[in-house]
Protein backbone atom coordinates (compact mmCIF):
# COMPACT_ATOMS: atom_id res chain seq x y z
CA MET A 1 115.32 84.43 113.97
CA ASP A 2 115.08 83.48 117.64
CA ALA A 3 112.78 80.82 119.09
CA VAL A 4 110.18 83.28 120.42
CA VAL A 5 109.77 84.93 117.02
CA LYS A 6 109.55 81.57 115.25
CA ARG A 7 106.85 80.40 117.61
CA LEU A 8 105.01 83.71 117.30
CA LEU A 9 104.86 83.40 113.52
CA ARG A 10 103.82 79.78 113.74
CA GLU A 11 101.07 80.41 116.29
CA ALA A 12 99.75 83.82 115.22
CA GLY A 13 101.50 84.81 112.00
CA GLU A 14 98.51 85.35 109.74
CA THR A 15 97.54 88.80 108.56
CA TYR A 16 94.05 89.99 109.41
CA ALA A 17 93.33 90.27 105.70
CA GLU A 18 94.26 86.63 105.12
CA GLU A 19 92.12 85.59 108.07
CA ALA A 20 89.18 87.42 106.48
CA GLY A 21 89.83 85.77 103.10
CA VAL A 22 91.23 88.95 101.52
CA PRO A 23 94.31 88.30 99.36
CA LEU A 24 97.17 90.72 99.96
CA LYS A 25 97.80 91.58 96.33
CA ASP A 26 98.56 94.88 94.64
CA GLN A 27 95.30 94.77 92.72
CA PRO A 28 92.26 97.10 92.77
CA ALA A 29 89.77 94.63 94.26
CA ALA A 30 92.17 93.36 96.93
CA LEU A 31 93.15 96.88 98.00
CA TRP A 32 89.50 97.91 98.16
CA LYS A 33 88.66 94.92 100.33
CA LEU A 34 91.54 95.79 102.63
CA LEU A 35 90.20 99.35 102.93
CA VAL A 36 86.75 98.02 103.84
CA LEU A 37 88.25 95.63 106.37
CA SER A 38 90.33 98.45 107.88
CA ASN A 39 87.16 100.50 108.30
CA LEU A 40 85.32 97.66 110.03
CA LEU A 41 88.22 96.60 112.25
CA SER A 42 88.82 100.13 113.53
CA ALA A 43 85.45 100.23 115.34
CA ARG A 44 85.13 99.14 118.96
CA ILE A 45 83.83 95.75 117.98
CA SER A 46 85.31 92.26 118.00
CA THR A 47 87.67 91.18 115.25
CA GLU A 48 85.52 88.14 114.50
CA ILE A 49 82.40 90.26 113.96
CA ALA A 50 84.27 92.75 111.77
CA MET A 51 85.56 89.91 109.58
CA ALA A 52 82.14 88.28 109.36
CA ALA A 53 80.64 91.60 108.31
CA ALA A 54 83.31 92.07 105.65
CA ARG A 55 82.58 88.65 104.18
CA GLN A 56 78.85 89.42 104.06
CA LEU A 57 79.48 92.75 102.31
CA PHE A 58 81.69 91.09 99.71
CA GLU A 59 79.19 88.28 99.13
CA ALA A 60 76.48 90.91 98.62
CA GLY A 61 78.51 92.46 95.80
CA GLY A 62 80.62 94.99 97.67
CA GLY A 63 83.96 93.43 96.78
CA THR A 64 84.88 96.36 94.54
CA ALA A 65 84.34 100.08 94.92
CA ARG A 66 81.90 100.05 92.03
CA GLY A 67 80.02 97.10 93.48
CA MET A 68 79.79 98.74 96.90
CA ALA A 69 78.48 101.95 95.36
CA ARG A 70 75.79 99.99 93.53
CA LEU A 71 74.48 98.50 96.78
CA THR A 72 71.77 100.55 98.41
CA TRP A 73 72.26 101.86 101.92
CA GLN A 74 69.73 99.29 103.12
CA GLN A 75 71.53 96.44 101.38
CA ARG A 76 74.74 97.46 103.14
CA VAL A 77 72.92 97.66 106.47
CA ASP A 78 71.45 94.21 105.88
CA ALA A 79 74.85 92.72 105.03
CA LEU A 80 76.38 94.24 108.14
CA GLY A 81 73.49 92.85 110.16
CA ARG A 82 74.07 89.34 108.81
CA GLY A 83 77.62 89.68 110.12
CA HIS A 84 76.21 90.84 113.49
CA TYR A 85 77.80 94.26 113.03
CA ALA A 86 74.64 95.78 114.44
CA ARG A 87 76.04 98.41 116.76
CA TYR A 88 77.53 100.55 113.97
CA ASP A 89 75.55 99.31 110.99
CA GLU A 90 73.74 102.51 109.99
CA SER A 91 76.71 104.90 110.17
CA THR A 92 79.09 102.34 108.67
CA ALA A 93 76.74 101.66 105.77
CA GLY A 94 76.88 105.36 104.94
CA HIS A 95 80.64 105.53 105.30
CA LEU A 96 81.13 102.55 102.99
CA GLY A 97 79.03 104.15 100.29
CA ASP A 98 80.95 107.42 100.59
CA MET A 99 84.27 105.54 100.54
CA ALA A 100 83.25 103.77 97.35
CA GLU A 101 82.33 107.04 95.65
CA LEU A 102 85.62 108.66 96.65
CA VAL A 103 87.66 105.70 95.38
CA GLN A 104 85.89 105.92 92.05
CA GLU A 105 86.04 109.68 91.71
CA LYS A 106 89.57 110.35 92.97
CA TYR A 107 91.34 107.11 92.07
CA ASN A 108 89.25 105.85 89.16
CA GLY A 109 88.34 102.77 91.21
CA ASP A 110 91.98 101.76 91.67
CA LEU A 111 93.68 102.34 95.04
CA ARG A 112 97.06 101.65 93.49
CA ARG A 113 96.77 105.29 92.44
CA LEU A 114 96.92 106.26 96.10
CA ALA A 115 100.51 105.04 96.18
CA ILE A 116 101.25 107.27 93.20
CA GLU A 117 99.31 110.23 94.62
CA SER A 118 101.22 109.96 97.90
CA GLU A 119 104.53 109.75 96.02
CA ARG A 120 105.12 106.64 98.15
CA ASP A 121 105.48 108.74 101.26
CA ARG A 122 104.06 107.12 104.41
CA GLU A 123 102.89 110.33 106.05
CA ARG A 124 101.17 111.54 102.89
CA ALA A 125 99.57 108.13 102.39
CA GLY A 126 98.13 108.37 105.89
CA GLN A 127 96.69 111.79 105.12
CA LEU A 128 95.04 110.48 101.96
CA LEU A 129 93.63 107.45 103.76
CA ARG A 130 92.07 109.69 106.40
CA GLU A 131 90.07 111.37 103.65
CA PHE A 132 87.91 108.25 103.52
CA PRO A 133 84.87 108.47 105.82
CA GLY A 134 85.26 106.01 108.69
CA ILE A 135 89.05 105.72 108.32
CA GLY A 136 90.65 107.42 111.29
CA PRO A 137 94.13 106.93 112.75
CA ALA A 138 93.33 103.33 113.75
CA GLY A 139 92.09 102.53 110.25
CA VAL A 140 95.23 104.03 108.72
CA ASP A 141 97.40 101.86 110.97
CA ILE A 142 95.47 98.71 110.08
CA PHE A 143 95.61 99.41 106.35
CA CYS A 144 99.31 100.29 106.28
CA ARG A 145 100.30 97.46 108.63
CA GLU A 146 98.76 94.98 106.21
CA ALA A 147 99.54 96.80 102.95
CA GLN A 148 103.27 96.65 103.68
CA ALA A 149 102.99 93.08 102.38
CA MET A 150 102.69 94.47 98.83
CA TRP A 151 103.91 98.07 99.20
CA PRO A 152 107.60 97.86 100.25
CA TRP A 153 107.80 101.64 100.71
CA LEU A 154 105.62 101.31 103.83
CA ARG A 155 108.09 98.96 105.51
CA PRO A 156 108.63 98.54 108.34
CA TYR A 157 105.19 99.50 109.66
CA PHE A 158 104.61 98.70 113.32
CA ASP A 159 101.82 100.66 114.96
CA GLU A 160 101.38 101.25 118.69
CA GLN A 161 99.56 97.94 119.17
CA ALA A 162 102.30 95.96 117.43
CA LEU A 163 104.98 97.66 119.53
CA LYS A 164 103.00 96.86 122.67
CA GLY A 165 103.03 93.20 121.62
CA ALA A 166 106.79 93.37 121.04
CA GLU A 167 107.28 94.74 124.53
CA ARG A 168 105.24 91.89 126.01
CA LEU A 169 107.54 89.38 124.34
CA GLY A 170 110.72 91.18 125.29
CA LEU A 171 111.47 92.07 121.67
CA PRO A 172 112.95 95.40 120.49
CA LYS A 173 110.56 98.37 120.59
CA ASP A 174 112.49 100.29 117.96
CA PRO A 175 110.74 99.60 114.61
CA LYS A 176 113.95 99.18 112.63
CA ARG A 177 115.49 96.82 115.15
CA LEU A 178 112.23 94.92 115.40
CA ALA A 179 112.10 94.56 111.62
CA ASP A 180 115.49 92.83 111.71
CA GLU A 181 113.88 89.92 113.58
CA VAL A 182 112.20 88.55 110.43
CA PRO A 183 112.73 88.45 106.66
CA GLU A 184 111.24 91.50 104.95
CA LYS A 185 108.58 89.39 103.23
CA ASP A 186 107.21 88.38 106.67
CA LEU A 187 106.82 91.88 108.12
CA ALA A 188 103.04 92.10 107.65
CA ARG A 189 102.55 88.67 109.23
CA PHE A 190 104.91 89.60 112.06
CA ALA A 191 103.11 92.88 112.76
CA ALA A 192 99.71 91.17 112.81
CA ALA A 193 101.01 88.52 115.19
CA LEU A 194 102.36 91.19 117.53
CA VAL A 195 98.97 92.91 117.58
CA ARG A 196 97.34 89.62 118.57
CA VAL A 197 99.84 89.28 121.41
CA ALA A 198 99.08 92.83 122.56
CA ARG A 199 95.40 91.92 122.79
CA ASN A 200 95.80 88.46 124.29
CA LYS A 201 98.00 88.06 127.35
CA ASP A 202 97.45 84.31 127.41
CA LEU A 203 98.86 84.06 123.89
CA ALA A 204 101.87 86.13 124.93
CA ASP A 205 102.48 83.96 127.99
CA SER A 206 102.19 80.79 125.92
CA ILE A 207 104.69 82.00 123.34
CA THR A 208 107.28 83.19 125.86
CA LYS A 209 106.89 80.05 127.97
CA ASN A 210 107.34 77.69 125.06
CA GLY A 211 109.55 79.75 122.81
CA THR A 212 112.79 78.36 124.08
């Protein structure tokens, strides 16, 4: 692992799920929270606000698909509002309720079944994820980029944003070559760090300047 990559992981190597307090575990509640976070992060809104909104939803009882379904639309709107997710609160509140119902009906409340349903095929998994209201291509990328921490069959998963970050740092743009830069267990952290670099030129400059 070269000096730039080591510094990158040290400075920015935390998954977005971990930053939001969501454990990356292959468990129903953790996977549901990651799906919610992927929905919120895919909107044109700041990462900090999306994470704050996620925490408010979970504190209100939406930390499982069943719990989210039990919340009224207004309760979801109110939780989003407490996280200052005001711009998309009404539509997102509806999407979250519909997502919760689909998880319960199609996967019996357990998103581990999505891995089985997709036959652990990345393309098929993306198609299934897009069935959830509010999860478009960006949401699929966020979910899979983070879920590779517990689903090895997704690895390596570097979306367009992560590859843009790699280019900024002078790292390989080919996903397989890029994956060779870190141990397999660090791929989700690495991908998240690269996304941060893609969105923050100052961070990229700091890492390349000091990563020697």
